[in-house]
Amino acid sequence: MLRFTIPNMHCGGCAKSVTKALLSADPQARIETDLPAHEVRVDSTLDGSVLLAVLSEAGYPASQ
């Protein structure tokens, strides 16, 4: 499972947008968001760098 820190994920709408962006890249991914920690955990077959690019493109730059 990959873990990303997303500093500008502050609300449920942000979490929904992050989830939608990640699912657009990998519809089979399992995603858990943790708003207080500004974190998302992703179980995906895609490489972390691909998911980082997807998040950045969606307006949610992240670090691993």
PDB file of N, CA and C in Angstrom:
ATOM      1  N   MET A   1       0.847  -1.182   0.000  1.00  0.00           N
ATOM      2  CA  MET A   1       0.000   0.000   0.000  1.00  0.00           C
ATOM      3  C   MET A   1       0.890   1.242   0.000  1.00  0.00           C
ATOM      4  N   LEU A   2       0.576   2.178  -0.871  1.00  0.00           N
ATOM      5  CA  LEU A   2       1.330   3.426  -0.978  1.00  0.00           C
ATOM      6  C   LEU A   2       0.677   4.481  -0.097  1.00  0.00           C
ATOM      7  N   ARG A   3       1.505   5.349   0.454  1.00  0.00           N
ATOM      8  CA  ARG A   3       1.009   6.412   1.326  1.00  0.00           C
ATOM      9  C   ARG A   3       1.515   7.749   0.797  1.00  0.00           C
ATOM     10  N   PHE A   4       0.588   8.693   0.618  1.00  0.00           N
ATOM     11  CA  PHE A   4       0.940  10.007   0.111  1.00  0.00           C
ATOM     12  C   PHE A   4       0.461  11.072   1.084  1.00  0.00           C
ATOM     13  N   THR A   5       1.278  12.094   1.277  1.00  0.00           N
ATOM     14  CA  THR A   5       0.888  13.253   2.067  1.00  0.00           C
ATOM     15  C   THR A   5       0.449  14.345   1.100  1.00  0.00           C
ATOM     16  N   ILE A   6      -0.747  14.877   1.337  1.00  0.00           N
ATOM     17  CA  ILE A   6      -1.318  15.899   0.468  1.00  0.00           C
ATOM     18  C   ILE A   6      -1.646  17.115   1.340  1.00  0.00           C
ATOM     19  N   PRO A   7      -0.725  18.072   1.425  1.00  0.00           N
ATOM     20  CA  PRO A   7      -0.908  19.210   2.335  1.00  0.00           C
ATOM     21  C   PRO A   7      -2.178  20.026   2.092  1.00  0.00           C
ATOM     22  N   ASN A   8      -2.638  20.140   0.846  1.00  0.00           N
ATOM     23  CA  ASN A   8      -3.812  20.980   0.589  1.00  0.00           C
ATOM     24  C   ASN A   8      -5.119  20.194   0.520  1.00  0.00           C
ATOM     25  N   MET A   9      -5.178  19.009   1.112  1.00  0.00           N
ATOM     26  CA  MET A   9      -6.427  18.247   1.225  1.00  0.00           C
ATOM     27  C   MET A   9      -7.014  18.554   2.603  1.00  0.00           C
ATOM     28  N   HIS A  10      -8.023  19.452   2.617  1.00  0.00           N
ATOM     29  CA  HIS A  10      -8.541  19.961   3.885  1.00  0.00           C
ATOM     30  C   HIS A  10      -9.973  19.548   4.212  1.00  0.00           C
ATOM     31  N   CYS A  11     -10.732  19.115   3.225  1.00  0.00           N
ATOM     32  CA  CYS A  11     -12.154  18.869   3.480  1.00  0.00           C
ATOM     33  C   CYS A  11     -12.629  17.611   2.747  1.00  0.00           C
ATOM     34  N   GLY A  12     -13.871  17.262   3.001  1.00  0.00           N
ATOM     35  CA  GLY A  12     -14.450  16.095   2.345  1.00  0.00           C
ATOM     36  C   GLY A  12     -14.499  16.228   0.835  1.00  0.00           C
ATOM     37  N   GLY A  13     -14.716  17.448   0.350  1.00  0.00           N
ATOM     38  CA  GLY A  13     -14.719  17.673  -1.094  1.00  0.00           C
ATOM     39  C   GLY A  13     -13.352  17.408  -1.700  1.00  0.00           C
ATOM     40  N   CYS A  14     -12.310  17.837  -0.993  1.00  0.00           N
ATOM     41  CA  CYS A  14     -10.934  17.572  -1.444  1.00  0.00           C
ATOM     42  C   CYS A  14     -10.693  16.060  -1.495  1.00  0.00           C
ATOM     43  N   ALA A  15     -11.092  15.374  -0.431  1.00  0.00           N
ATOM     44  CA  ALA A  15     -10.884  13.926  -0.368  1.00  0.00           C
ATOM     45  C   ALA A  15     -11.610  13.232  -1.506  1.00  0.00           C
ATOM     46  N   LYS A  16     -12.809  13.714  -1.818  1.00  0.00           N
ATOM     47  CA  LYS A  16     -13.586  13.127  -2.919  1.00  0.00           C
ATOM     48  C   LYS A  16     -12.879  13.363  -4.252  1.00  0.00           C
ATOM     49  N   SER A  17     -12.339  14.571  -4.443  1.00  0.00           N
ATOM     50  CA  SER A  17     -11.624  14.887  -5.684  1.00  0.00           C
ATOM     51  C   SER A  17     -10.361  14.041  -5.828  1.00  0.00           C
ATOM     52  N   VAL A  18      -9.645  13.850  -4.723  1.00  0.00           N
ATOM     53  CA  VAL A  18      -8.438  13.019  -4.726  1.00  0.00           C
ATOM     54  C   VAL A  18      -8.804  11.581  -5.089  1.00  0.00           C
ATOM     55  N   THR A  19      -9.845  11.075  -4.464  1.00  0.00           N
ATOM     56  CA  THR A  19     -10.294   9.698  -4.732  1.00  0.00           C
ATOM     57  C   THR A  19     -10.693   9.545  -6.195  1.00  0.00           C
ATOM     58  N   LYS A  20     -11.452  10.507  -6.701  1.00  0.00           N
ATOM     59  CA  LYS A  20     -11.908  10.445  -8.101  1.00  0.00           C
ATOM     60  C   LYS A  20     -10.718  10.459  -9.060  1.00  0.00           C
ATOM     61  N   ALA A  21      -9.737  11.310  -8.787  1.00  0.00           N
ATOM     62  CA  ALA A  21      -8.557  11.394  -9.660  1.00  0.00           C
ATOM     63  C   ALA A  21      -7.799  10.071  -9.671  1.00  0.00           C
ATOM     64  N   LEU A  22      -7.604   9.496  -8.494  1.00  0.00           N
ATOM     65  CA  LEU A  22      -6.867   8.233  -8.409  1.00  0.00           C
ATOM     66  C   LEU A  22      -7.631   7.097  -9.093  1.00  0.00           C
ATOM     67  N   LEU A  23      -8.942   7.064  -8.921  1.00  0.00           N
ATOM     68  CA  LEU A  23      -9.746   6.016  -9.556  1.00  0.00           C
ATOM     69  C   LEU A  23      -9.790   6.178 -11.075  1.00  0.00           C
ATOM     70  N   SER A  24      -9.604   7.402 -11.562  1.00  0.00           N
ATOM     71  CA  SER A  24      -9.577   7.584 -13.017  1.00  0.00           C
ATOM     72  C   SER A  24      -8.334   6.931 -13.620  1.00  0.00           C
ATOM     73  N   ALA A  25      -7.272   6.855 -12.835  1.00  0.00           N
ATOM     74  CA  ALA A  25      -6.040   6.219 -13.306  1.00  0.00           C
ATOM     75  C   ALA A  25      -6.069   4.712 -13.088  1.00  0.00           C
ATOM     76  N   ASP A  26      -6.681   4.283 -11.973  1.00  0.00           N
ATOM     77  CA  ASP A  26      -6.769   2.859 -11.655  1.00  0.00           C
ATOM     78  C   ASP A  26      -8.130   2.578 -11.015  1.00  0.00           C
ATOM     79  N   PRO A  27      -9.112   2.196 -11.835  1.00  0.00           N
ATOM     80  CA  PRO A  27     -10.460   1.957 -11.311  1.00  0.00           C
ATOM     81  C   PRO A  27     -10.531   0.848 -10.256  1.00  0.00           C
ATOM     82  N   GLN A  28      -9.527  -0.011 -10.192  1.00  0.00           N
ATOM     83  CA  GLN A  28      -9.534  -1.107  -9.221  1.00  0.00           C
ATOM     84  C   GLN A  28      -8.833  -0.750  -7.916  1.00  0.00           C
ATOM     85  N   ALA A  29      -8.291   0.445  -7.818  1.00  0.00           N
ATOM     86  CA  ALA A  29      -7.532   0.849  -6.626  1.00  0.00           C
ATOM     87  C   ALA A  29      -8.438   0.905  -5.393  1.00  0.00           C
ATOM     88  N   ARG A  30      -7.843   0.566  -4.258  1.00  0.00           N
ATOM     89  CA  ARG A  30      -8.517   0.751  -2.964  1.00  0.00           C
ATOM     90  C   ARG A  30      -7.893   1.983  -2.325  1.00  0.00           C
ATOM     91  N   ILE A  31      -8.742   2.929  -1.921  1.00  0.00           N
ATOM     92  CA  ILE A  31      -8.261   4.222  -1.459  1.00  0.00           C
ATOM     93  C   ILE A  31      -8.849   4.548  -0.096  1.00  0.00           C
ATOM     94  N   GLU A  32      -7.990   4.999   0.808  1.00  0.00           N
ATOM     95  CA  GLU A  32      -8.420   5.454   2.133  1.00  0.00           C
ATOM     96  C   GLU A  32      -7.865   6.855   2.331  1.00  0.00           C
ATOM     97  N   THR A  33      -8.733   7.803   2.669  1.00  0.00           N
ATOM     98  CA  THR A  33      -8.261   9.160   2.942  1.00  0.00           C
ATOM     99  C   THR A  33      -8.310   9.420   4.437  1.00  0.00           C
ATOM    100  N   ASP A  34      -7.353  10.187   4.919  1.00  0.00           N
ATOM    101  CA  ASP A  34      -7.269  10.572   6.332  1.00  0.00           C
ATOM    102  C   ASP A  34      -7.100  12.090   6.364  1.00  0.00           C
ATOM    103  N   LEU A  35      -8.228  12.800   6.485  1.00  0.00           N
ATOM    104  CA  LEU A  35      -8.186  14.262   6.424  1.00  0.00           C
ATOM    105  C   LEU A  35      -7.323  14.892   7.515  1.00  0.00           C
ATOM    106  N   PRO A  36      -7.479  14.500   8.801  1.00  0.00           N
ATOM    107  CA  PRO A  36      -6.663  15.150   9.833  1.00  0.00           C
ATOM    108  C   PRO A  36      -5.154  15.012   9.580  1.00  0.00           C
ATOM    109  N   ALA A  37      -4.740  13.907   8.978  1.00  0.00           N
ATOM    110  CA  ALA A  37      -3.317  13.680   8.696  1.00  0.00           C
ATOM    111  C   ALA A  37      -2.914  14.194   7.311  1.00  0.00           C
ATOM    112  N   HIS A  38      -3.896  14.686   6.531  1.00  0.00           N
ATOM    113  CA  HIS A  38      -3.641  15.118   5.138  1.00  0.00           C
ATOM    114  C   HIS A  38      -2.963  13.990   4.367  1.00  0.00           C
ATOM    115  N   GLU A  39      -3.528  12.805   4.482  1.00  0.00           N
ATOM    116  CA  GLU A  39      -2.883  11.620   3.927  1.00  0.00           C
ATOM    117  C   GLU A  39      -3.886  10.772   3.143  1.00  0.00           C
ATOM    118  N   VAL A  40      -3.374  10.105   2.121  1.00  0.00           N
ATOM    119  CA  VAL A  40      -4.179   9.131   1.387  1.00  0.00           C
ATOM    120  C   VAL A  40      -3.346   7.863   1.255  1.00  0.00           C
ATOM    121  N   ARG A  41      -4.008   6.721   1.439  1.00  0.00           N
ATOM    122  CA  ARG A  41      -3.361   5.416   1.273  1.00  0.00           C
ATOM    123  C   ARG A  41      -4.016   4.736   0.082  1.00  0.00           C
ATOM    124  N   VAL A  42      -3.177   4.215  -0.802  1.00  0.00           N
ATOM    125  CA  VAL A  42      -3.671   3.660  -2.062  1.00  0.00           C
ATOM    126  C   VAL A  42      -3.093   2.264  -2.262  1.00  0.00           C
ATOM    127  N   ASP A  43      -3.976   1.307  -2.503  1.00  0.00           N
ATOM    128  CA  ASP A  43      -3.566  -0.039  -2.878  1.00  0.00           C
ATOM    129  C   ASP A  43      -3.843  -0.147  -4.376  1.00  0.00           C
ATOM    130  N   SER A  44      -2.774  -0.110  -5.170  1.00  0.00           N
ATOM    131  CA  SER A  44      -2.918  -0.057  -6.622  1.00  0.00           C
ATOM    132  C   SER A  44      -1.792  -0.850  -7.278  1.00  0.00           C
ATOM    133  N   THR A  45      -2.042  -1.270  -8.506  1.00  0.00           N
ATOM    134  CA  THR A  45      -0.996  -1.944  -9.279  1.00  0.00           C
ATOM    135  C   THR A  45      -0.111  -0.925  -9.983  1.00  0.00           C
ATOM    136  N   LEU A  46      -0.521   0.346  -9.989  1.00  0.00           N
ATOM    137  CA  LEU A  46       0.267   1.388 -10.644  1.00  0.00           C
ATOM    138  C   LEU A  46       1.447   1.808  -9.771  1.00  0.00           C
ATOM    139  N   ASP A  47       2.480   2.295 -10.425  1.00  0.00           N
ATOM    140  CA  ASP A  47       3.661   2.786  -9.735  1.00  0.00           C
ATOM    141  C   ASP A  47       3.334   4.094  -9.006  1.00  0.00           C
ATOM    142  N   GLY A  48       3.995   4.315  -7.881  1.00  0.00           N
ATOM    143  CA  GLY A  48       3.770   5.520  -7.092  1.00  0.00           C
ATOM    144  C   GLY A  48       3.995   6.802  -7.865  1.00  0.00           C
ATOM    145  N   SER A  49       4.974   6.803  -8.763  1.00  0.00           N
ATOM    146  CA  SER A  49       5.265   8.015  -9.533  1.00  0.00           C
ATOM    147  C   SER A  49       4.106   8.373 -10.465  1.00  0.00           C
ATOM    148  N   VAL A  50       3.422   7.359 -10.973  1.00  0.00           N
ATOM    149  CA  VAL A  50       2.246   7.599 -11.823  1.00  0.00           C
ATOM    150  C   VAL A  50       1.136   8.239 -10.989  1.00  0.00           C
ATOM    151  N   LEU A  51       0.924   7.716  -9.795  1.00  0.00           N
ATOM    152  CA  LEU A  51      -0.126   8.249  -8.933  1.00  0.00           C
ATOM    153  C   LEU A  51       0.210   9.666  -8.468  1.00  0.00           C
ATOM    154  N   LEU A  52       1.478   9.931  -8.197  1.00  0.00           N
ATOM    155  CA  LEU A  52       1.900  11.287  -7.832  1.00  0.00           C
ATOM    156  C   LEU A  52       1.598  12.265  -8.966  1.00  0.00           C
ATOM    157  N   ALA A  53       1.851  11.844 -10.201  1.00  0.00           N
ATOM    158  CA  ALA A  53       1.572  12.693 -11.361  1.00  0.00           C
ATOM    159  C   ALA A  53       0.070  12.944 -11.501  1.00  0.00           C
ATOM    160  N   VAL A  54      -0.735  11.922 -11.275  1.00  0.00           N
ATOM    161  CA  VAL A  54      -2.189  12.059 -11.355  1.00  0.00           C
ATOM    162  C   VAL A  54      -2.675  13.054 -10.305  1.00  0.00           C
ATOM    163  N   LEU A  55      -2.169  12.937  -9.086  1.00  0.00           N
ATOM    164  CA  LEU A  55      -2.570  13.848  -8.013  1.00  0.00           C
ATOM    165  C   LEU A  55      -2.160  15.289  -8.335  1.00  0.00           C
ATOM    166  N   SER A  56      -0.967  15.463  -8.839  1.00  0.00           N
ATOM    167  CA  SER A  56      -0.480  16.793  -9.184  1.00  0.00           C
ATOM    168  C   SER A  56      -1.341  17.419 -10.287  1.00  0.00           C
ATOM    169  N   GLU A  57      -1.668  16.612 -11.276  1.00  0.00           N
ATOM    170  CA  GLU A  57      -2.511  17.071 -12.387  1.00  0.00           C
ATOM    171  C   GLU A  57      -3.895  17.496 -11.905  1.00  0.00           C
ATOM    172  N   ALA A  58      -4.371  16.825 -10.858  1.00  0.00           N
ATOM    173  CA  ALA A  58      -5.705  17.135 -10.304  1.00  0.00           C
ATOM    174  C   ALA A  58      -5.673  18.345  -9.375  1.00  0.00           C
ATOM    175  N   GLY A  59      -4.474  18.908  -9.147  1.00  0.00           N
ATOM    176  CA  GLY A  59      -4.365  20.073  -8.283  1.00  0.00           C
ATOM    177  C   GLY A  59      -4.048  19.741  -6.837  1.00  0.00           C
ATOM    178  N   TYR A  60      -3.631  18.515  -6.595  1.00  0.00           N
ATOM    179  CA  TYR A  60      -3.300  18.073  -5.245  1.00  0.00           C
ATOM    180  C   TYR A  60      -1.880  17.491  -5.220  1.00  0.00           C
ATOM    181  N   PRO A  61      -0.870  18.365  -5.344  1.00  0.00           N
ATOM    182  CA  PRO A  61       0.511  17.855  -5.311  1.00  0.00           C
ATOM    183  C   PRO A  61       0.760  17.122  -3.995  1.00  0.00           C
ATOM    184  N   ALA A  62       1.437  15.994  -4.111  1.00  0.00           N
ATOM    185  CA  ALA A  62       1.645  15.127  -2.954  1.00  0.00           C
ATOM    186  C   ALA A  62       3.102  14.704  -2.857  1.00  0.00           C
ATOM    187  N   SER A  63       3.441  14.193  -1.696  1.00  0.00           N
ATOM    188  CA  SER A  63       4.771  13.590  -1.511  1.00  0.00           C
ATOM    189  C   SER A  63       4.544  12.198  -0.938  1.00  0.00           C
ATOM    190  N   GLN A  64       5.549  11.365  -1.137  1.00  0.00           N
ATOM    191  CA  GLN A  64       5.414   9.985  -0.687  1.00  0.00           C
ATOM    192  C   GLN A  64       6.160   9.755   0.593  1.00  0.00           C
TER     193      GLN A  64
END
